[in-house]
Amino acid sequence: WVAWTLYGKARGLEGGSIWAKRFPALHRLLENKYWVDEFYDASVVRPIGALARFCWKVVDGIFVEGAVHAPAVFSRVFGELGRLTTTGNVRSYLFYAVFGMLALAWWVLSS
């Protein structure tokens, strides 16, 4: 009935413009679909997007990547330190072994 009274009887789209001029606030409300999309975007989409960016940048970028790359960094550092001690001199190796045993004995006896 509403559609027939607005657009029927050869009025066409002119009937809608008459109602839009008569009730501009109602027309704007209906034209913007009660602003449901804007409300949903501001209350759901943007916060979830911000949370997703935070998880990507902070949680994944720092914690996950750090957990993956930390063993590689430690291996590289200790490998470089080990490379400095690899001389091929048996006396050096004996010194390291004795020093390690003494350090281990001191640690066991002190605790």
PDB file of N, CA and C in Angstrom:
ATOM      1  N   TRP A   1       0.820  -1.186   0.000  1.00  0.00           N
ATOM      2  CA  TRP A   1       0.000   0.000   0.000  1.00  0.00           C
ATOM      3  C   TRP A   1       0.868   1.256   0.000  1.00  0.00           C
ATOM      4  N   VAL A   2       1.960   1.243   0.839  1.00  0.00           N
ATOM      5  CA  VAL A   2       2.829   2.413   0.899  1.00  0.00           C
ATOM      6  C   VAL A   2       3.507   2.641  -0.444  1.00  0.00           C
ATOM      7  N   ALA A   3       3.983   1.558  -1.041  1.00  0.00           N
ATOM      8  CA  ALA A   3       4.636   1.687  -2.341  1.00  0.00           C
ATOM      9  C   ALA A   3       3.658   2.192  -3.394  1.00  0.00           C
ATOM     10  N   TRP A   4       2.410   1.721  -3.354  1.00  0.00           N
ATOM     11  CA  TRP A   4       1.422   2.156  -4.337  1.00  0.00           C
ATOM     12  C   TRP A   4       1.091   3.632  -4.154  1.00  0.00           C
ATOM     13  N   THR A   5       1.008   4.068  -2.879  1.00  0.00           N
ATOM     14  CA  THR A   5       0.678   5.478  -2.668  1.00  0.00           C
ATOM     15  C   THR A   5       1.841   6.389  -3.047  1.00  0.00           C
ATOM     16  N   LEU A   6       3.070   5.900  -2.903  1.00  0.00           N
ATOM     17  CA  LEU A   6       4.220   6.732  -3.260  1.00  0.00           C
ATOM     18  C   LEU A   6       4.486   6.758  -4.758  1.00  0.00           C
ATOM     19  N   TYR A   7       4.465   5.571  -5.366  1.00  0.00           N
ATOM     20  CA  TYR A   7       4.951   5.471  -6.746  1.00  0.00           C
ATOM     21  C   TYR A   7       3.870   5.082  -7.750  1.00  0.00           C
ATOM     22  N   GLY A   8       2.697   4.732  -7.304  1.00  0.00           N
ATOM     23  CA  GLY A   8       1.658   4.268  -8.208  1.00  0.00           C
ATOM     24  C   GLY A   8       0.949   5.406  -8.903  1.00  0.00           C
ATOM     25  N   LYS A   9      -0.001   5.025  -9.706  1.00  0.00           N
ATOM     26  CA  LYS A   9      -0.854   5.968 -10.446  1.00  0.00           C
ATOM     27  C   LYS A   9      -0.022   6.928 -11.302  1.00  0.00           C
ATOM     28  N   ALA A  10       0.944   6.415 -11.975  1.00  0.00           N
ATOM     29  CA  ALA A  10       1.788   7.159 -12.923  1.00  0.00           C
ATOM     30  C   ALA A  10       2.596   8.278 -12.259  1.00  0.00           C
ATOM     31  N   ARG A  11       2.824   8.188 -10.940  1.00  0.00           N
ATOM     32  CA  ARG A  11       3.661   9.183 -10.280  1.00  0.00           C
ATOM     33  C   ARG A  11       5.139   8.906 -10.525  1.00  0.00           C
ATOM     34  N   GLY A  12       5.488   7.643 -10.616  1.00  0.00           N
ATOM     35  CA  GLY A  12       6.878   7.271 -10.830  1.00  0.00           C
ATOM     36  C   GLY A  12       7.736   7.646  -9.629  1.00  0.00           C
ATOM     37  N   LEU A  13       8.938   8.043  -9.907  1.00  0.00           N
ATOM     38  CA  LEU A  13       9.868   8.379  -8.835  1.00  0.00           C
ATOM     39  C   LEU A  13       9.591   9.748  -8.211  1.00  0.00           C
ATOM     40  N   GLU A  14       8.728  10.532  -8.813  1.00  0.00           N
ATOM     41  CA  GLU A  14       8.393  11.846  -8.262  1.00  0.00           C
ATOM     42  C   GLU A  14       7.702  11.719  -6.911  1.00  0.00           C
ATOM     43  N   GLY A  15       6.946  10.657  -6.715  1.00  0.00           N
ATOM     44  CA  GLY A  15       6.259  10.449  -5.440  1.00  0.00           C
ATOM     45  C   GLY A  15       7.249  10.275  -4.302  1.00  0.00           C
ATOM     46  N   GLY A  16       8.331   9.571  -4.561  1.00  0.00           N
ATOM     47  CA  GLY A  16       9.358   9.390  -3.540  1.00  0.00           C
ATOM     48  C   GLY A  16      10.041  10.692  -3.191  1.00  0.00           C
ATOM     49  N   SER A  17      10.290  11.539  -4.173  1.00  0.00           N
ATOM     50  CA  SER A  17      10.952  12.819  -3.892  1.00  0.00           C
ATOM     51  C   SER A  17      10.032  13.756  -3.115  1.00  0.00           C
ATOM     52  N   ILE A  18       8.737  13.636  -3.314  1.00  0.00           N
ATOM     53  CA  ILE A  18       7.792  14.448  -2.530  1.00  0.00           C
ATOM     54  C   ILE A  18       7.864  14.050  -1.068  1.00  0.00           C
ATOM     55  N   TRP A  19       7.877  12.756  -0.791  1.00  0.00           N
ATOM     56  CA  TRP A  19       7.987  12.285   0.598  1.00  0.00           C
ATOM     57  C   TRP A  19       9.361  12.631   1.189  1.00  0.00           C
ATOM     58  N   ALA A  20      10.393  12.616   0.388  1.00  0.00           N
ATOM     59  CA  ALA A  20      11.729  12.970   0.878  1.00  0.00           C
ATOM     60  C   ALA A  20      11.779  14.448   1.275  1.00  0.00           C
ATOM     61  N   LYS A  21      11.072  15.303   0.537  1.00  0.00           N
ATOM     62  CA  LYS A  21      11.042  16.722   0.893  1.00  0.00           C
ATOM     63  C   LYS A  21      10.170  16.971   2.116  1.00  0.00           C
ATOM     64  N   ARG A  22       9.125  16.179   2.258  1.00  0.00           N
ATOM     65  CA  ARG A  22       8.202  16.362   3.371  1.00  0.00           C
ATOM     66  C   ARG A  22       8.791  15.852   4.687  1.00  0.00           C
ATOM     67  N   PHE A  23       9.509  14.714   4.647  1.00  0.00           N
ATOM     68  CA  PHE A  23      10.102  14.116   5.848  1.00  0.00           C
ATOM     69  C   PHE A  23      11.604  13.904   5.629  1.00  0.00           C
ATOM     70  N   PRO A  24      12.412  14.954   5.676  1.00  0.00           N
ATOM     71  CA  PRO A  24      13.836  14.807   5.348  1.00  0.00           C
ATOM     72  C   PRO A  24      14.607  13.949   6.355  1.00  0.00           C
ATOM     73  N   ALA A  25      14.287  14.033   7.634  1.00  0.00           N
ATOM     74  CA  ALA A  25      15.014  13.229   8.633  1.00  0.00           C
ATOM     75  C   ALA A  25      14.719  11.740   8.437  1.00  0.00           C
ATOM     76  N   LEU A  26      13.455  11.414   8.211  1.00  0.00           N
ATOM     77  CA  LEU A  26      13.081  10.015   7.972  1.00  0.00           C
ATOM     78  C   LEU A  26      13.705   9.508   6.679  1.00  0.00           C
ATOM     79  N   HIS A  27      13.711  10.358   5.658  1.00  0.00           N
ATOM     80  CA  HIS A  27      14.321   9.967   4.379  1.00  0.00           C
ATOM     81  C   HIS A  27      15.812   9.687   4.553  1.00  0.00           C
ATOM     82  N   ARG A  28      16.518  10.574   5.292  1.00  0.00           N
ATOM     83  CA  ARG A  28      17.949  10.366   5.522  1.00  0.00           C
ATOM     84  C   ARG A  28      18.194   9.090   6.329  1.00  0.00           C
ATOM     85  N   LEU A  29      17.336   8.818   7.323  1.00  0.00           N
ATOM     86  CA  LEU A  29      17.463   7.608   8.133  1.00  0.00           C
ATOM     87  C   LEU A  29      17.306   6.353   7.274  1.00  0.00           C
ATOM     88  N   LEU A  30      16.311   6.342   6.431  1.00  0.00           N
ATOM     89  CA  LEU A  30      16.082   5.180   5.571  1.00  0.00           C
ATOM     90  C   LEU A  30      17.128   5.076   4.464  1.00  0.00           C
ATOM     91  N   GLU A  31      17.558   6.212   3.932  1.00  0.00           N
ATOM     92  CA  GLU A  31      18.553   6.194   2.869  1.00  0.00           C
ATOM     93  C   GLU A  31      19.890   5.637   3.372  1.00  0.00           C
ATOM     94  N   ASN A  32      20.234   5.925   4.623  1.00  0.00           N
ATOM     95  CA  ASN A  32      21.490   5.427   5.208  1.00  0.00           C
ATOM     96  C   ASN A  32      21.332   4.077   5.900  1.00  0.00           C
ATOM     97  N   LYS A  33      20.180   3.437   5.715  1.00  0.00           N
ATOM     98  CA  LYS A  33      19.913   2.088   6.256  1.00  0.00           C
ATOM     99  C   LYS A  33      20.107   2.044   7.763  1.00  0.00           C
ATOM    100  N   TYR A  34      19.570   3.051   8.450  1.00  0.00           N
ATOM    101  CA  TYR A  34      19.640   3.163   9.911  1.00  0.00           C
ATOM    102  C   TYR A  34      21.069   3.227  10.421  1.00  0.00           C
ATOM    103  N   TRP A  35      22.023   3.476   9.594  1.00  0.00           N
ATOM    104  CA  TRP A  35      23.436   3.549   9.933  1.00  0.00           C
ATOM    105  C   TRP A  35      23.938   2.261  10.594  1.00  0.00           C
ATOM    106  N   VAL A  36      23.356   1.142  10.211  1.00  0.00           N
ATOM    107  CA  VAL A  36      23.762  -0.149  10.771  1.00  0.00           C
ATOM    108  C   VAL A  36      25.169  -0.506  10.294  1.00  0.00           C
ATOM    109  N   ASP A  37      25.463  -0.277   9.040  1.00  0.00           N
ATOM    110  CA  ASP A  37      26.790  -0.605   8.508  1.00  0.00           C
ATOM    111  C   ASP A  37      27.880   0.212   9.191  1.00  0.00           C
ATOM    112  N   GLU A  38      27.629   1.494   9.398  1.00  0.00           N
ATOM    113  CA  GLU A  38      28.614   2.336  10.063  1.00  0.00           C
ATOM    114  C   GLU A  38      28.836   1.905  11.509  1.00  0.00           C
ATOM    115  N   PHE A  39      27.736   1.581  12.207  1.00  0.00           N
ATOM    116  CA  PHE A  39      27.847   1.117  13.587  1.00  0.00           C
ATOM    117  C   PHE A  39      28.610  -0.206  13.655  1.00  0.00           C
ATOM    118  N   TYR A  40      28.294  -1.129  12.752  1.00  0.00           N
ATOM    119  CA  TYR A  40      28.972  -2.426  12.735  1.00  0.00           C
ATOM    120  C   TYR A  40      30.459  -2.254  12.423  1.00  0.00           C
ATOM    121  N   ASP A  41      30.768  -1.368  11.497  1.00  0.00           N
ATOM    122  CA  ASP A  41      32.167  -1.124  11.157  1.00  0.00           C
ATOM    123  C   ASP A  41      32.936  -0.553  12.347  1.00  0.00           C
ATOM    124  N   ALA A  42      32.333   0.408  13.043  1.00  0.00           N
ATOM    125  CA  ALA A  42      33.016   1.050  14.172  1.00  0.00           C
ATOM    126  C   ALA A  42      33.093   0.146  15.392  1.00  0.00           C
ATOM    127  N   SER A  43      32.093  -0.703  15.601  1.00  0.00           N
ATOM    128  CA  SER A  43      32.067  -1.492  16.834  1.00  0.00           C
ATOM    129  C   SER A  43      32.634  -2.896  16.685  1.00  0.00           C
ATOM    130  N   VAL A  44      32.683  -3.435  15.479  1.00  0.00           N
ATOM    131  CA  VAL A  44      33.147  -4.814  15.308  1.00  0.00           C
ATOM    132  C   VAL A  44      34.359  -4.894  14.381  1.00  0.00           C
ATOM    133  N   VAL A  45      34.242  -4.368  13.180  1.00  0.00           N
ATOM    134  CA  VAL A  45      35.273  -4.560  12.164  1.00  0.00           C
ATOM    135  C   VAL A  45      36.577  -3.871  12.548  1.00  0.00           C
ATOM    136  N   ARG A  46      36.520  -2.615  12.945  1.00  0.00           N
ATOM    137  CA  ARG A  46      37.749  -1.887  13.280  1.00  0.00           C
ATOM    138  C   ARG A  46      38.443  -2.444  14.526  1.00  0.00           C
ATOM    139  N   PRO A  47      37.714  -2.744  15.620  1.00  0.00           N
ATOM    140  CA  PRO A  47      38.409  -3.345  16.770  1.00  0.00           C
ATOM    141  C   PRO A  47      39.037  -4.697  16.464  1.00  0.00           C
ATOM    142  N   ILE A  48      38.359  -5.522  15.694  1.00  0.00           N
ATOM    143  CA  ILE A  48      38.933  -6.821  15.338  1.00  0.00           C
ATOM    144  C   ILE A  48      40.142  -6.626  14.427  1.00  0.00           C
ATOM    145  N   GLY A  49      40.065  -5.655  13.525  1.00  0.00           N
ATOM    146  CA  GLY A  49      41.222  -5.352  12.678  1.00  0.00           C
ATOM    147  C   GLY A  49      42.412  -4.864  13.493  1.00  0.00           C
ATOM    148  N   ALA A  50      42.141  -4.022  14.502  1.00  0.00           N
ATOM    149  CA  ALA A  50      43.230  -3.540  15.362  1.00  0.00           C
ATOM    150  C   ALA A  50      43.823  -4.690  16.172  1.00  0.00           C
ATOM    151  N   LEU A  51      42.982  -5.563  16.679  1.00  0.00           N
ATOM    152  CA  LEU A  51      43.472  -6.725  17.426  1.00  0.00           C
ATOM    153  C   LEU A  51      44.295  -7.643  16.521  1.00  0.00           C
ATOM    154  N   ALA A  52      43.844  -7.817  15.293  1.00  0.00           N
ATOM    155  CA  ALA A  52      44.581  -8.660  14.353  1.00  0.00           C
ATOM    156  C   ALA A  52      45.946  -8.054  14.023  1.00  0.00           C
ATOM    157  N   ARG A  53      45.994  -6.729  13.812  1.00  0.00           N
ATOM    158  CA  ARG A  53      47.281  -6.077  13.556  1.00  0.00           C
ATOM    159  C   ARG A  53      48.205  -6.190  14.762  1.00  0.00           C
ATOM    160  N   PHE A  54      47.657  -6.041  15.987  1.00  0.00           N
ATOM    161  CA  PHE A  54      48.461  -6.187  17.198  1.00  0.00           C
ATOM    162  C   PHE A  54      49.032  -7.595  17.291  1.00  0.00           C
ATOM    163  N   CYS A  55      48.203  -8.602  17.040  1.00  0.00           N
ATOM    164  CA  CYS A  55      48.682  -9.990  17.097  1.00  0.00           C
ATOM    165  C   CYS A  55      49.744 -10.236  16.034  1.00  0.00           C
ATOM    166  N   TRP A  56      49.564  -9.657  14.868  1.00  0.00           N
ATOM    167  CA  TRP A  56      50.529  -9.859  13.791  1.00  0.00           C
ATOM    168  C   TRP A  56      51.852  -9.179  14.112  1.00  0.00           C
ATOM    169  N   LYS A  57      51.799  -7.914  14.514  1.00  0.00           N
ATOM    170  CA  LYS A  57      53.027  -7.164  14.736  1.00  0.00           C
ATOM    171  C   LYS A  57      53.722  -7.561  16.037  1.00  0.00           C
ATOM    172  N   VAL A  58      52.972  -7.665  17.130  1.00  0.00           N
ATOM    173  CA  VAL A  58      53.587  -7.876  18.434  1.00  0.00           C
ATOM    174  C   VAL A  58      53.747  -9.359  18.745  1.00  0.00           C
ATOM    175  N   VAL A  59      52.629 -10.084  18.764  1.00  0.00           N
ATOM    176  CA  VAL A  59      52.688 -11.486  19.182  1.00  0.00           C
ATOM    177  C   VAL A  59      53.483 -12.313  18.181  1.00  0.00           C
ATOM    178  N   ASP A  60      53.127 -12.203  16.917  1.00  0.00           N
ATOM    179  CA  ASP A  60      53.836 -12.995  15.919  1.00  0.00           C
ATOM    180  C   ASP A  60      55.230 -12.436  15.656  1.00  0.00           C
ATOM    181  N   GLY A  61      55.319 -11.128  15.520  1.00  0.00           N
ATOM    182  CA  GLY A  61      56.598 -10.518  15.164  1.00  0.00           C
ATOM    183  C   GLY A  61      57.656 -10.626  16.233  1.00  0.00           C
ATOM    184  N   ILE A  62      57.260 -10.541  17.494  1.00  0.00           N
ATOM    185  CA  ILE A  62      58.248 -10.572  18.567  1.00  0.00           C
ATOM    186  C   ILE A  62      58.366 -11.957  19.182  1.00  0.00           C
ATOM    187  N   PHE A  63      57.252 -12.497  19.642  1.00  0.00           N
ATOM    188  CA  PHE A  63      57.313 -13.747  20.389  1.00  0.00           C
ATOM    189  C   PHE A  63      57.523 -14.971  19.496  1.00  0.00           C
ATOM    190  N   VAL A  64      56.706 -15.111  18.468  1.00  0.00           N
ATOM    191  CA  VAL A  64      56.813 -16.297  17.615  1.00  0.00           C
ATOM    192  C   VAL A  64      58.102 -16.266  16.812  1.00  0.00           C
ATOM    193  N   GLU A  65      58.352 -15.141  16.148  1.00  0.00           N
ATOM    194  CA  GLU A  65      59.590 -15.032  15.378  1.00  0.00           C
ATOM    195  C   GLU A  65      60.812 -15.114  16.285  1.00  0.00           C
ATOM    196  N   GLY A  66      60.714 -14.528  17.479  1.00  0.00           N
ATOM    197  CA  GLY A  66      61.828 -14.608  18.425  1.00  0.00           C
ATOM    198  C   GLY A  66      62.092 -16.034  18.866  1.00  0.00           C
ATOM    199  N   ALA A  67      61.018 -16.797  19.102  1.00  0.00           N
ATOM    200  CA  ALA A  67      61.195 -18.195  19.501  1.00  0.00           C
ATOM    201  C   ALA A  67      61.788 -19.031  18.371  1.00  0.00           C
ATOM    202  N   VAL A  68      61.488 -18.660  17.147  1.00  0.00           N
ATOM    203  CA  VAL A  68      62.027 -19.396  16.010  1.00  0.00           C
ATOM    204  C   VAL A  68      63.485 -19.022  15.763  1.00  0.00           C
ATOM    205  N   HIS A  69      63.786 -17.728  15.865  1.00  0.00           N
ATOM    206  CA  HIS A  69      65.128 -17.264  15.512  1.00  0.00           C
ATOM    207  C   HIS A  69      66.128 -17.320  16.670  1.00  0.00           C
ATOM    208  N   ALA A  70      65.662 -17.377  17.917  1.00  0.00           N
ATOM    209  CA  ALA A  70      66.580 -17.382  19.068  1.00  0.00           C
ATOM    210  C   ALA A  70      67.539 -18.578  19.051  1.00  0.00           C
ATOM    211  N   PRO A  71      67.072 -19.809  18.812  1.00  0.00           N
ATOM    212  CA  PRO A  71      68.035 -20.917  18.756  1.00  0.00           C
ATOM    213  C   PRO A  71      69.076 -20.749  17.653  1.00  0.00           C
ATOM    214  N   ALA A  72      68.677 -20.187  16.541  1.00  0.00           N
ATOM    215  CA  ALA A  72      69.641 -19.968  15.457  1.00  0.00           C
ATOM    216  C   ALA A  72      70.695 -18.935  15.863  1.00  0.00           C
ATOM    217  N   VAL A  73      70.262 -17.896  16.544  1.00  0.00           N
ATOM    218  CA  VAL A  73      71.215 -16.867  16.986  1.00  0.00           C
ATOM    219  C   VAL A  73      72.166 -17.454  18.019  1.00  0.00           C
ATOM    220  N   PHE A  74      71.626 -18.195  19.000  1.00  0.00           N
ATOM    221  CA  PHE A  74      72.494 -18.811  20.009  1.00  0.00           C
ATOM    222  C   PHE A  74      73.465 -19.801  19.371  1.00  0.00           C
ATOM    223  N   SER A  75      72.995 -20.574  18.411  1.00  0.00           N
ATOM    224  CA  SER A  75      73.888 -21.518  17.735  1.00  0.00           C
ATOM    225  C   SER A  75      74.997 -20.784  17.002  1.00  0.00           C
ATOM    226  N   ARG A  76      74.646 -19.697  16.346  1.00  0.00           N
ATOM    227  CA  ARG A  76      75.656 -18.934  15.617  1.00  0.00           C
ATOM    228  C   ARG A  76      76.680 -18.321  16.576  1.00  0.00           C
ATOM    229  N   VAL A  77      76.210 -17.752  17.697  1.00  0.00           N
ATOM    230  CA  VAL A  77      77.129 -17.125  18.656  1.00  0.00           C
ATOM    231  C   VAL A  77      78.054 -18.168  19.264  1.00  0.00           C
ATOM    232  N   PHE A  78      77.492 -19.267  19.733  1.00  0.00           N
ATOM    233  CA  PHE A  78      78.330 -20.301  20.343  1.00  0.00           C
ATOM    234  C   PHE A  78      79.223 -20.978  19.314  1.00  0.00           C
ATOM    235  N   GLY A  79      78.767 -21.061  18.085  1.00  0.00           N
ATOM    236  CA  GLY A  79      79.623 -21.589  17.027  1.00  0.00           C
ATOM    237  C   GLY A  79      80.820 -20.693  16.762  1.00  0.00           C
ATOM    238  N   GLU A  80      80.555 -19.373  16.756  1.00  0.00           N
ATOM    239  CA  GLU A  80      81.655 -18.438  16.567  1.00  0.00           C
ATOM    240  C   GLU A  80      82.632 -18.496  17.737  1.00  0.00           C
ATOM    241  N   LEU A  81      82.111 -18.616  18.960  1.00  0.00           N
ATOM    242  CA  LEU A  81      83.001 -18.753  20.114  1.00  0.00           C
ATOM    243  C   LEU A  81      83.780 -20.062  20.048  1.00  0.00           C
ATOM    244  N   GLY A  82      83.121 -21.116  19.644  1.00  0.00           N
ATOM    245  CA  GLY A  82      83.808 -22.394  19.502  1.00  0.00           C
ATOM    246  C   GLY A  82      84.854 -22.362  18.403  1.00  0.00           C
ATOM    247  N   ARG A  83      84.586 -21.615  17.364  1.00  0.00           N
ATOM    248  CA  ARG A  83      85.545 -21.499  16.267  1.00  0.00           C
ATOM    249  C   ARG A  83      86.841 -20.848  16.741  1.00  0.00           C
ATOM    250  N   LEU A  84      86.710 -19.921  17.680  1.00  0.00           N
ATOM    251  CA  LEU A  84      87.903 -19.261  18.200  1.00  0.00           C
ATOM    252  C   LEU A  84      88.770 -20.215  19.019  1.00  0.00           C
ATOM    253  N   THR A  85      88.154 -21.219  19.623  1.00  0.00           N
ATOM    254  CA  THR A  85      88.907 -22.154  20.463  1.00  0.00           C
ATOM    255  C   THR A  85      89.431 -23.346  19.679  1.00  0.00           C
ATOM    256  N   THR A  86      88.993 -23.515  18.454  1.00  0.00           N
ATOM    257  CA  THR A  86      89.441 -24.642  17.649  1.00  0.00           C
ATOM    258  C   THR A  86      90.757 -24.270  16.976  1.00  0.00           C
ATOM    259  N   THR A  87      91.849 -24.694  17.601  1.00  0.00           N
ATOM    260  CA  THR A  87      93.171 -24.327  17.085  1.00  0.00           C
ATOM    261  C   THR A  87      93.924 -25.520  16.514  1.00  0.00           C
ATOM    262  N   GLY A  88      93.527 -26.739  16.890  1.00  0.00           N
ATOM    263  CA  GLY A  88      94.265 -27.925  16.474  1.00  0.00           C
ATOM    264  C   GLY A  88      95.393 -28.268  17.435  1.00  0.00           C
ATOM    265  N   ASN A  89      95.556 -27.485  18.480  1.00  0.00           N
ATOM    266  CA  ASN A  89      96.604 -27.705  19.466  1.00  0.00           C
ATOM    267  C   ASN A  89      96.045 -28.587  20.584  1.00  0.00           C
ATOM    268  N   VAL A  90      96.648 -29.767  20.804  1.00  0.00           N
ATOM    269  CA  VAL A  90      96.165 -30.720  21.792  1.00  0.00           C
ATOM    270  C   VAL A  90      96.279 -30.144  23.197  1.00  0.00           C
ATOM    271  N   ARG A  91      97.289 -29.370  23.471  1.00  0.00           N
ATOM    272  CA  ARG A  91      97.435 -28.764  24.795  1.00  0.00           C
ATOM    273  C   ARG A  91      96.256 -27.833  25.108  1.00  0.00           C
ATOM    274  N   SER A  92      95.779 -27.111  24.120  1.00  0.00           N
ATOM    275  CA  SER A  92      94.624 -26.235  24.341  1.00  0.00           C
ATOM    276  C   SER A  92      93.386 -27.056  24.677  1.00  0.00           C
ATOM    277  N   TYR A  93      93.186 -28.148  23.950  1.00  0.00           N
ATOM    278  CA  TYR A  93      92.030 -29.001  24.216  1.00  0.00           C
ATOM    279  C   TYR A  93      92.106 -29.614  25.602  1.00  0.00           C
ATOM    280  N   LEU A  94      93.281 -30.037  26.024  1.00  0.00           N
ATOM    281  CA  LEU A  94      93.461 -30.596  27.355  1.00  0.00           C
ATOM    282  C   LEU A  94      93.173 -29.530  28.411  1.00  0.00           C
ATOM    283  N   PHE A  95      93.630 -28.299  28.181  1.00  0.00           N
ATOM    284  CA  PHE A  95      93.352 -27.216  29.109  1.00  0.00           C
ATOM    285  C   PHE A  95      91.848 -26.971  29.233  1.00  0.00           C
ATOM    286  N   TYR A  96      91.128 -26.947  28.115  1.00  0.00           N
ATOM    287  CA  TYR A  96      89.679 -26.741  28.147  1.00  0.00           C
ATOM    288  C   TYR A  96      88.983 -27.866  28.886  1.00  0.00           C
ATOM    289  N   ALA A  97      89.415 -29.095  28.671  1.00  0.00           N
ATOM    290  CA  ALA A  97      88.794 -30.238  29.333  1.00  0.00           C
ATOM    291  C   ALA A  97      89.023 -30.171  30.840  1.00  0.00           C
ATOM    292  N   VAL A  98      90.246 -29.896  31.267  1.00  0.00           N
ATOM    293  CA  VAL A  98      90.544 -29.810  32.702  1.00  0.00           C
ATOM    294  C   VAL A  98      89.796 -28.632  33.318  1.00  0.00           C
ATOM    295  N   PHE A  99      89.791 -27.489  32.650  1.00  0.00           N
ATOM    296  CA  PHE A  99      89.067 -26.328  33.157  1.00  0.00           C
ATOM    297  C   PHE A  99      87.581 -26.628  33.294  1.00  0.00           C
ATOM    298  N   GLY A 100      87.002 -27.319  32.306  1.00  0.00           N
ATOM    299  CA  GLY A 100      85.587 -27.690  32.361  1.00  0.00           C
ATOM    300  C   GLY A 100      85.294 -28.641  33.501  1.00  0.00           C
ATOM    301  N   MET A 101      86.171 -29.618  33.720  1.00  0.00           N
ATOM    302  CA  MET A 101      85.948 -30.551  34.831  1.00  0.00           C
ATOM    303  C   MET A 101      86.059 -29.837  36.170  1.00  0.00           C
ATOM    304  N   LEU A 102      87.020 -28.946  36.316  1.00  0.00           N
ATOM    305  CA  LEU A 102      87.159 -28.191  37.560  1.00  0.00           C
ATOM    306  C   LEU A 102      85.937 -27.287  37.798  1.00  0.00           C
ATOM    307  N   ALA A 103      85.454 -26.640  36.765  1.00  0.00           N
ATOM    308  CA  ALA A 103      84.265 -25.791  36.887  1.00  0.00           C
ATOM    309  C   ALA A 103      83.049 -26.627  37.263  1.00  0.00           C
ATOM    310  N   LEU A 104      82.898 -27.805  36.672  1.00  0.00           N
ATOM    311  CA  LEU A 104      81.793 -28.693  36.997  1.00  0.00           C
ATOM    312  C   LEU A 104      81.894 -29.182  38.430  1.00  0.00           C
ATOM    313  N   ALA A 105      83.089 -29.548  38.878  1.00  0.00           N
ATOM    314  CA  ALA A 105      83.278 -30.006  40.252  1.00  0.00           C
ATOM    315  C   ALA A 105      82.966 -28.890  41.233  1.00  0.00           C
ATOM    316  N   TRP A 106      83.399 -27.647  40.925  1.00  0.00           N
ATOM    317  CA  TRP A 106      83.119 -26.524  41.806  1.00  0.00           C
ATOM    318  C   TRP A 106      81.616 -26.259  41.898  1.00  0.00           C
ATOM    319  N   TRP A 107      80.920 -26.369  40.775  1.00  0.00           N
ATOM    320  CA  TRP A 107      79.478 -26.133  40.753  1.00  0.00           C
ATOM    321  C   TRP A 107      78.731 -27.191  41.534  1.00  0.00           C
ATOM    322  N   VAL A 108      79.142 -28.465  41.396  1.00  0.00           N
ATOM    323  CA  VAL A 108      78.489 -29.560  42.126  1.00  0.00           C
ATOM    324  C   VAL A 108      78.746 -29.430  43.618  1.00  0.00           C
ATOM    325  N   LEU A 109      79.991 -29.136  43.997  1.00  0.00           N
ATOM    326  CA  LEU A 109      80.326 -29.054  45.425  1.00  0.00           C
ATOM    327  C   LEU A 109      79.758 -27.801  46.098  1.00  0.00           C
ATOM    328  N   SER A 110      79.554 -26.729  45.344  1.00  0.00           N
ATOM    329  CA  SER A 110      79.039 -25.501  45.956  1.00  0.00           C
ATOM    330  C   SER A 110      77.535 -25.506  46.135  1.00  0.00           C
ATOM    331  N   SER A 111      76.832 -26.391  45.478  1.00  0.00           N
ATOM    332  CA  SER A 111      75.372 -26.383  45.612  1.00  0.00           C
ATOM    333  C   SER A 111      74.841 -27.442  46.513  1.00  0.00           C
TER     334      SER A 111
END
